[in-house]
Structures are given as structure tokens and as C-alpha cells.
Amino acid sequence: MFTIEHDFDATVVTLVDEAEDDAPFREDVIINAFEDCVTVTQVDPRTDMPVTVTLSMSQLRDLSMALDLPEGAYRLRPE
């Protein structure tokens, strides 16, 4: 399950874990898409503190392309 909210300066997507079978639930993942970066935040259950990773737009582009590629190292060339 997920939710999408449009804030003033970001689009916020929250991914809610719906564990299949008897797998343990994971903390929600919150994704904030800003004009110049994307942040991914999840609460660390060991410390009960949020951990945030910030991706540049080029890192996000690379990630989206990597999801459809086989194992290996890649570099995008400008067209």
C-alpha cells in the first residue's frame, strides 16, 4: 500500500509494508521528491530514529535505469 500527497514544495510518497506470509513488517518508507533532489526516510527500529538518504536527480535517473538492466557496471553517455 502507498499514499501520495502533494505539498507546497514536494511530492510525498509513503510506502506502507504489507508483509506477505509471516514475514516481519518493516517501517514505512517516506519519499520526498523536491525540484533538485529526492529524499528517502525510514525509522531505524534499533535506534527509533529516522535515517534519511538524499539522491540527486542524476542518481535517481541512474537508479530508475538500473532497475531494468542486468548485473554489471554502467556509465550513461550524453546523446
PDB file of N, CA and C in Angstrom:
ATOM      1  N   MET A   1       0.839  -1.165   0.000  1.00  0.00           N
ATOM      2  CA  MET A   1       0.000   0.000   0.000  1.00  0.00           C
ATOM      3  C   MET A   1       0.890   1.236   0.000  1.00  0.00           C
ATOM      4  N   PHE A   2       0.420   2.314  -0.644  1.00  0.00           N
ATOM      5  CA  PHE A   2       1.164   3.558  -0.612  1.00  0.00           C
ATOM      6  C   PHE A   2       0.204   4.732  -0.688  1.00  0.00           C
ATOM      7  N   THR A   3       0.704   5.887  -0.247  1.00  0.00           N
ATOM      8  CA  THR A   3      -0.070   7.120  -0.351  1.00  0.00           C
ATOM      9  C   THR A   3       0.764   8.141  -1.101  1.00  0.00           C
ATOM     10  N   ILE A   4       0.069   9.098  -1.748  1.00  0.00           N
ATOM     11  CA  ILE A   4       0.726  10.191  -2.457  1.00  0.00           C
ATOM     12  C   ILE A   4       0.086  11.487  -1.985  1.00  0.00           C
ATOM     13  N   GLU A   5       0.933  12.444  -1.591  1.00  0.00           N
ATOM     14  CA  GLU A   5       0.454  13.761  -1.176  1.00  0.00           C
ATOM     15  C   GLU A   5       1.282  14.818  -1.897  1.00  0.00           C
ATOM     16  N   HIS A   6       0.641  15.879  -2.337  1.00  0.00           N
ATOM     17  CA  HIS A   6       1.341  16.977  -2.981  1.00  0.00           C
ATOM     18  C   HIS A   6       1.406  18.142  -2.002  1.00  0.00           C
ATOM     19  N   ASP A   7       2.614  18.406  -1.492  1.00  0.00           N
ATOM     20  CA  ASP A   7       2.843  19.535  -0.600  1.00  0.00           C
ATOM     21  C   ASP A   7       3.265  20.748  -1.423  1.00  0.00           C
ATOM     22  N   PHE A   8       3.518  21.857  -0.752  1.00  0.00           N
ATOM     23  CA  PHE A   8       3.915  23.092  -1.422  1.00  0.00           C
ATOM     24  C   PHE A   8       5.165  22.913  -2.275  1.00  0.00           C
ATOM     25  N   ASP A   9       6.208  22.288  -1.700  1.00  0.00           N
ATOM     26  CA  ASP A   9       7.485  22.198  -2.402  1.00  0.00           C
ATOM     27  C   ASP A   9       7.920  20.771  -2.718  1.00  0.00           C
ATOM     28  N   ALA A  10       7.059  19.780  -2.473  1.00  0.00           N
ATOM     29  CA  ALA A  10       7.461  18.397  -2.709  1.00  0.00           C
ATOM     30  C   ALA A  10       6.245  17.505  -2.911  1.00  0.00           C
ATOM     31  N   THR A  11       6.481  16.412  -3.598  1.00  0.00           N
ATOM     32  CA  THR A  11       5.504  15.331  -3.656  1.00  0.00           C
ATOM     33  C   THR A  11       5.985  14.276  -2.670  1.00  0.00           C
ATOM     34  N   VAL A  12       5.102  13.823  -1.787  1.00  0.00           N
ATOM     35  CA  VAL A  12       5.484  12.878  -0.740  1.00  0.00           C
ATOM     36  C   VAL A  12       4.771  11.553  -0.995  1.00  0.00           C
ATOM     37  N   VAL A  13       5.575  10.494  -1.148  1.00  0.00           N
ATOM     38  CA  VAL A  13       5.045   9.147  -1.313  1.00  0.00           C
ATOM     39  C   VAL A  13       5.427   8.357  -0.070  1.00  0.00           C
ATOM     40  N   THR A  14       4.452   7.710   0.557  1.00  0.00           N
ATOM     41  CA  THR A  14       4.718   6.862   1.721  1.00  0.00           C
ATOM     42  C   THR A  14       4.406   5.430   1.347  1.00  0.00           C
ATOM     43  N   LEU A  15       5.391   4.559   1.503  1.00  0.00           N
ATOM     44  CA  LEU A  15       5.227   3.136   1.221  1.00  0.00           C
ATOM     45  C   LEU A  15       4.981   2.419   2.538  1.00  0.00           C
ATOM     46  N   VAL A  16       3.844   1.747   2.654  1.00  0.00           N
ATOM     47  CA  VAL A  16       3.474   1.029   3.869  1.00  0.00           C
ATOM     48  C   VAL A  16       3.703  -0.455   3.618  1.00  0.00           C
ATOM     49  N   ASP A  17       4.458  -1.099   4.488  1.00  0.00           N
ATOM     50  CA  ASP A  17       4.763  -2.525   4.334  1.00  0.00           C
ATOM     51  C   ASP A  17       3.531  -3.371   4.632  1.00  0.00           C
ATOM     52  N   GLU A  18       3.197  -4.205   3.694  1.00  0.00           N
ATOM     53  CA  GLU A  18       2.145  -5.190   3.901  1.00  0.00           C
ATOM     54  C   GLU A  18       2.805  -6.561   3.715  1.00  0.00           C
ATOM     55  N   ALA A  19       3.491  -6.994   4.757  1.00  0.00           N
ATOM     56  CA  ALA A  19       4.288  -8.218   4.691  1.00  0.00           C
ATOM     57  C   ALA A  19       3.440  -9.392   4.218  1.00  0.00           C
ATOM     58  N   GLU A  20       4.021 -10.143   3.308  1.00  0.00           N
ATOM     59  CA  GLU A  20       3.344 -11.335   2.823  1.00  0.00           C
ATOM     60  C   GLU A  20       3.757 -12.520   3.688  1.00  0.00           C
ATOM     61  N   ASP A  21       2.887 -13.485   3.772  1.00  0.00           N
ATOM     62  CA  ASP A  21       3.110 -14.676   4.595  1.00  0.00           C
ATOM     63  C   ASP A  21       3.330 -14.246   6.046  1.00  0.00           C
ATOM     64  N   ASP A  22       4.358 -14.804   6.670  1.00  0.00           N
ATOM     65  CA  ASP A  22       4.644 -14.477   8.067  1.00  0.00           C
ATOM     66  C   ASP A  22       5.884 -13.603   8.214  1.00  0.00           C
ATOM     67  N   ALA A  23       6.296 -12.935   7.123  1.00  0.00           N
ATOM     68  CA  ALA A  23       7.471 -12.074   7.177  1.00  0.00           C
ATOM     69  C   ALA A  23       7.202 -10.899   8.112  1.00  0.00           C
ATOM     70  N   PRO A  24       8.227 -10.445   8.830  1.00  0.00           N
ATOM     71  CA  PRO A  24       8.014  -9.312   9.745  1.00  0.00           C
ATOM     72  C   PRO A  24       7.765  -8.020   8.967  1.00  0.00           C
ATOM     73  N   PHE A  25       6.946  -7.138   9.537  1.00  0.00           N
ATOM     74  CA  PHE A  25       6.691  -5.835   8.930  1.00  0.00           C
ATOM     75  C   PHE A  25       7.920  -4.957   9.063  1.00  0.00           C
ATOM     76  N   ARG A  26       8.160  -4.128   8.071  1.00  0.00           N
ATOM     77  CA  ARG A  26       9.229  -3.128   8.100  1.00  0.00           C
ATOM     78  C   ARG A  26       8.591  -1.768   8.325  1.00  0.00           C
ATOM     79  N   GLU A  27       9.389  -0.827   8.786  1.00  0.00           N
ATOM     80  CA  GLU A  27       8.908   0.541   8.993  1.00  0.00           C
ATOM     81  C   GLU A  27       8.506   1.159   7.653  1.00  0.00           C
ATOM     82  N   ASP A  28       7.580   2.118   7.689  1.00  0.00           N
ATOM     83  CA  ASP A  28       7.173   2.824   6.482  1.00  0.00           C
ATOM     84  C   ASP A  28       8.368   3.535   5.862  1.00  0.00           C
ATOM     85  N   VAL A  29       8.342   3.683   4.538  1.00  0.00           N
ATOM     86  CA  VAL A  29       9.356   4.432   3.810  1.00  0.00           C
ATOM     87  C   VAL A  29       8.685   5.689   3.275  1.00  0.00           C
ATOM     88  N   ILE A  30       9.301   6.847   3.538  1.00  0.00           N
ATOM     89  CA  ILE A  30       8.750   8.122   3.078  1.00  0.00           C
ATOM     90  C   ILE A  30       9.698   8.715   2.045  1.00  0.00           C
ATOM     91  N   ILE A  31       9.156   8.990   0.862  1.00  0.00           N
ATOM     92  CA  ILE A  31       9.942   9.529  -0.247  1.00  0.00           C
ATOM     93  C   ILE A  31       9.451  10.949  -0.527  1.00  0.00           C
ATOM     94  N   ASN A  32      10.366  11.919  -0.442  1.00  0.00           N
ATOM     95  CA  ASN A  32      10.053  13.311  -0.748  1.00  0.00           C
ATOM     96  C   ASN A  32      10.736  13.682  -2.054  1.00  0.00           C
ATOM     97  N   ALA A  33       9.952  14.047  -3.063  1.00  0.00           N
ATOM     98  CA  ALA A  33      10.504  14.453  -4.354  1.00  0.00           C
ATOM     99  C   ALA A  33      10.470  15.970  -4.442  1.00  0.00           C
ATOM    100  N   PHE A  34      11.646  16.584  -4.375  1.00  0.00           N
ATOM    101  CA  PHE A  34      11.792  18.031  -4.495  1.00  0.00           C
ATOM    102  C   PHE A  34      12.224  18.370  -5.920  1.00  0.00           C
ATOM    103  N   GLU A  35      12.390  19.644  -6.199  1.00  0.00           N
ATOM    104  CA  GLU A  35      12.800  20.076  -7.534  1.00  0.00           C
ATOM    105  C   GLU A  35      14.205  19.595  -7.883  1.00  0.00           C
ATOM    106  N   ASP A  36      15.110  19.562  -6.891  1.00  0.00           N
ATOM    107  CA  ASP A  36      16.511  19.263  -7.168  1.00  0.00           C
ATOM    108  C   ASP A  36      17.040  17.983  -6.537  1.00  0.00           C
ATOM    109  N   CYS A  37      16.214  17.285  -5.769  1.00  0.00           N
ATOM    110  CA  CYS A  37      16.672  16.046  -5.140  1.00  0.00           C
ATOM    111  C   CYS A  37      15.474  15.225  -4.663  1.00  0.00           C
ATOM    112  N   VAL A  38      15.765  14.003  -4.259  1.00  0.00           N
ATOM    113  CA  VAL A  38      14.757  13.114  -3.686  1.00  0.00           C
ATOM    114  C   VAL A  38      15.326  12.573  -2.385  1.00  0.00           C
ATOM    115  N   THR A  39      14.534  12.618  -1.307  1.00  0.00           N
ATOM    116  CA  THR A  39      14.985  12.033  -0.047  1.00  0.00           C
ATOM    117  C   THR A  39      14.152  10.797   0.262  1.00  0.00           C
ATOM    118  N   VAL A  40      14.806   9.812   0.846  1.00  0.00           N
ATOM    119  CA  VAL A  40      14.154   8.577   1.271  1.00  0.00           C
ATOM    120  C   VAL A  40      14.416   8.444   2.772  1.00  0.00           C
ATOM    121  N   THR A  41      13.346   8.343   3.557  1.00  0.00           N
ATOM    122  CA  THR A  41      13.474   8.299   5.015  1.00  0.00           C
ATOM    123  C   THR A  41      12.759   7.066   5.559  1.00  0.00           C
ATOM    124  N   GLN A  42      13.400   6.412   6.527  1.00  0.00           N
ATOM    125  CA  GLN A  42      12.807   5.270   7.227  1.00  0.00           C
ATOM    126  C   GLN A  42      13.323   5.284   8.664  1.00  0.00           C
ATOM    127  N   VAL A  43      12.456   4.944   9.596  1.00  0.00           N
ATOM    128  CA  VAL A  43      12.860   4.873  11.002  1.00  0.00           C
ATOM    129  C   VAL A  43      13.657   3.592  11.223  1.00  0.00           C
ATOM    130  N   ASP A  44      14.826   3.737  11.844  1.00  0.00           N
ATOM    131  CA  ASP A  44      15.651   2.581  12.198  1.00  0.00           C
ATOM    132  C   ASP A  44      15.056   1.977  13.468  1.00  0.00           C
ATOM    133  N   PRO A  45      14.547   0.745  13.422  1.00  0.00           N
ATOM    134  CA  PRO A  45      13.892   0.167  14.600  1.00  0.00           C
ATOM    135  C   PRO A  45      14.843  -0.060  15.786  1.00  0.00           C
ATOM    136  N   ARG A  46      16.155  -0.128  15.528  1.00  0.00           N
ATOM    137  CA  ARG A  46      17.109  -0.328  16.625  1.00  0.00           C
ATOM    138  C   ARG A  46      17.303   0.932  17.449  1.00  0.00           C
ATOM    139  N   THR A  47      17.273   2.093  16.775  1.00  0.00           N
ATOM    140  CA  THR A  47      17.509   3.352  17.479  1.00  0.00           C
ATOM    141  C   THR A  47      16.247   4.187  17.612  1.00  0.00           C
ATOM    142  N   ASP A  48      15.213   3.813  16.896  1.00  0.00           N
ATOM    143  CA  ASP A  48      13.945   4.548  16.842  1.00  0.00           C
ATOM    144  C   ASP A  48      14.152   5.970  16.324  1.00  0.00           C
ATOM    145  N   MET A  49      15.175   6.141  15.479  1.00  0.00           N
ATOM    146  CA  MET A  49      15.491   7.435  14.878  1.00  0.00           C
ATOM    147  C   MET A  49      15.339   7.332  13.362  1.00  0.00           C
ATOM    148  N   PRO A  50      14.867   8.399  12.721  1.00  0.00           N
ATOM    149  CA  PRO A  50      14.753   8.362  11.258  1.00  0.00           C
ATOM    150  C   PRO A  50      16.126   8.463  10.599  1.00  0.00           C
ATOM    151  N   VAL A  51      16.288   7.732   9.511  1.00  0.00           N
ATOM    152  CA  VAL A  51      17.504   7.760   8.707  1.00  0.00           C
ATOM    153  C   VAL A  51      17.093   8.249   7.323  1.00  0.00           C
ATOM    154  N   THR A  52      17.795   9.264   6.813  1.00  0.00           N
ATOM    155  CA  THR A  52      17.443   9.850   5.524  1.00  0.00           C
ATOM    156  C   THR A  52      18.605   9.731   4.550  1.00  0.00           C
ATOM    157  N   VAL A  53      18.283   9.349   3.319  1.00  0.00           N
ATOM    158  CA  VAL A  53      19.249   9.300   2.228  1.00  0.00           C
ATOM    159  C   VAL A  53      18.776  10.303   1.184  1.00  0.00           C
ATOM    160  N   THR A  54      19.697  11.134   0.685  1.00  0.00           N
ATOM    161  CA  THR A  54      19.359  12.119  -0.337  1.00  0.00           C
ATOM    162  C   THR A  54      19.983  11.707  -1.661  1.00  0.00           C
ATOM    163  N   LEU A  55      19.149  11.659  -2.704  1.00  0.00           N
ATOM    164  CA  LEU A  55      19.608  11.317  -4.051  1.00  0.00           C
ATOM    165  C   LEU A  55      19.501  12.545  -4.938  1.00  0.00           C
ATOM    166  N   SER A  56      20.563  12.815  -5.719  1.00  0.00           N
ATOM    167  CA  SER A  56      20.470  13.878  -6.719  1.00  0.00           C
ATOM    168  C   SER A  56      19.570  13.389  -7.849  1.00  0.00           C
ATOM    169  N   MET A  57      19.176  14.292  -8.711  1.00  0.00           N
ATOM    170  CA  MET A  57      18.315  13.890  -9.823  1.00  0.00           C
ATOM    171  C   MET A  57      19.046  12.931 -10.761  1.00  0.00           C
ATOM    172  N   SER A  58      20.362  13.095 -10.935  1.00  0.00           N
ATOM    173  CA  SER A  58      21.106  12.166 -11.797  1.00  0.00           C
ATOM    174  C   SER A  58      21.220  10.785 -11.135  1.00  0.00           C
ATOM    175  N   GLN A  59      21.365  10.738  -9.815  1.00  0.00           N
ATOM    176  CA  GLN A  59      21.379   9.442  -9.134  1.00  0.00           C
ATOM    177  C   GLN A  59      20.023   8.758  -9.262  1.00  0.00           C
ATOM    178  N   LEU A  60      18.954   9.518  -9.167  1.00  0.00           N
ATOM    179  CA  LEU A  60      17.618   8.957  -9.313  1.00  0.00           C
ATOM    180  C   LEU A  60      17.413   8.420 -10.727  1.00  0.00           C
ATOM    181  N   ARG A  61      17.881   9.166 -11.734  1.00  0.00           N
ATOM    182  CA  ARG A  61      17.803   8.701 -13.121  1.00  0.00           C
ATOM    183  C   ARG A  61      18.566   7.391 -13.287  1.00  0.00           C
ATOM    184  N   ASP A  62      19.781   7.331 -12.728  1.00  0.00           N
ATOM    185  CA  ASP A  62      20.583   6.117 -12.823  1.00  0.00           C
ATOM    186  C   ASP A  62      19.892   4.942 -12.132  1.00  0.00           C
ATOM    187  N   LEU A  63      19.291   5.188 -10.982  1.00  0.00           N
ATOM    188  CA  LEU A  63      18.580   4.139 -10.261  1.00  0.00           C
ATOM    189  C   LEU A  63      17.412   3.609 -11.093  1.00  0.00           C
ATOM    190  N   SER A  64      16.649   4.506 -11.680  1.00  0.00           N
ATOM    191  CA  SER A  64      15.493   4.057 -12.464  1.00  0.00           C
ATOM    192  C   SER A  64      15.937   3.233 -13.670  1.00  0.00           C
ATOM    193  N   MET A  65      17.051   3.595 -14.292  1.00  0.00           N
ATOM    194  CA  MET A  65      17.561   2.816 -15.423  1.00  0.00           C
ATOM    195  C   MET A  65      18.131   1.478 -14.950  1.00  0.00           C
ATOM    196  N   ALA A  66      18.773   1.475 -13.788  1.00  0.00           N
ATOM    197  CA  ALA A  66      19.409   0.258 -13.278  1.00  0.00           C
ATOM    198  C   ALA A  66      18.398  -0.837 -12.966  1.00  0.00           C
ATOM    199  N   LEU A  67      17.183  -0.463 -12.662  1.00  0.00           N
ATOM    200  CA  LEU A  67      16.172  -1.466 -12.320  1.00  0.00           C
ATOM    201  C   LEU A  67      15.846  -2.388 -13.483  1.00  0.00           C
ATOM    202  N   ASP A  68      16.166  -1.964 -14.718  1.00  0.00           N
ATOM    203  CA  ASP A  68      15.854  -2.763 -15.893  1.00  0.00           C
ATOM    204  C   ASP A  68      17.084  -3.350 -16.573  1.00  0.00           C
ATOM    205  N   LEU A  69      18.236  -3.253 -15.942  1.00  0.00           N
ATOM    206  CA  LEU A  69      19.473  -3.739 -16.561  1.00  0.00           C
ATOM    207  C   LEU A  69      20.008  -4.972 -15.840  1.00  0.00           C
ATOM    208  N   PRO A  70      20.769  -5.813 -16.569  1.00  0.00           N
ATOM    209  CA  PRO A  70      21.399  -6.963 -15.910  1.00  0.00           C
ATOM    210  C   PRO A  70      22.582  -6.506 -15.056  1.00  0.00           C
ATOM    211  N   GLU A  71      23.104  -7.420 -14.292  1.00  0.00           N
ATOM    212  CA  GLU A  71      24.250  -7.157 -13.425  1.00  0.00           C
ATOM    213  C   GLU A  71      25.418  -6.577 -14.216  1.00  0.00           C
ATOM    214  N   GLY A  72      26.137  -5.620 -13.623  1.00  0.00           N
ATOM    215  CA  GLY A  72      27.289  -5.029 -14.293  1.00  0.00           C
ATOM    216  C   GLY A  72      27.493  -3.592 -13.863  1.00  0.00           C
ATOM    217  N   ALA A  73      28.517  -2.932 -14.437  1.00  0.00           N
ATOM    218  CA  ALA A  73      28.809  -1.515 -14.182  1.00  0.00           C
ATOM    219  C   ALA A  73      28.483  -0.741 -15.435  1.00  0.00           C
ATOM    220  N   TYR A  74      27.869   0.424 -15.283  1.00  0.00           N
ATOM    221  CA  TYR A  74      27.406   1.196 -16.428  1.00  0.00           C
ATOM    222  C   TYR A  74      27.712   2.674 -16.235  1.00  0.00           C
ATOM    223  N   ARG A  75      27.910   3.385 -17.347  1.00  0.00           N
ATOM    224  CA  ARG A  75      28.018   4.841 -17.346  1.00  0.00           C
ATOM    225  C   ARG A  75      27.182   5.340 -18.502  1.00  0.00           C
ATOM    226  N   LEU A  76      26.315   6.296 -18.244  1.00  0.00           N
ATOM    227  CA  LEU A  76      25.480   6.855 -19.307  1.00  0.00           C
ATOM    228  C   LEU A  76      26.277   7.874 -20.095  1.00  0.00           C
ATOM    229  N   ARG A  77      26.130   7.846 -21.412  1.00  0.00           N
ATOM    230  CA  ARG A  77      26.777   8.820 -22.268  1.00  0.00           C
ATOM    231  C   ARG A  77      25.742   9.845 -22.735  1.00  0.00           C
ATOM    232  N   PRO A  78      26.125  11.112 -22.740  1.00  0.00           N
ATOM    233  CA  PRO A  78      25.192  12.120 -23.258  1.00  0.00           C
ATOM    234  C   PRO A  78      24.917  11.865 -24.734  1.00  0.00           C
ATOM    235  N   GLU A  79      23.702  12.138 -25.149  1.00  0.00           N
ATOM    236  CA  GLU A  79      23.346  11.900 -26.557  1.00  0.00           C
ATOM    237  C   GLU A  79      23.770  13.034 -27.441  1.00  0.00           C
TER     238      GLU A  79
END
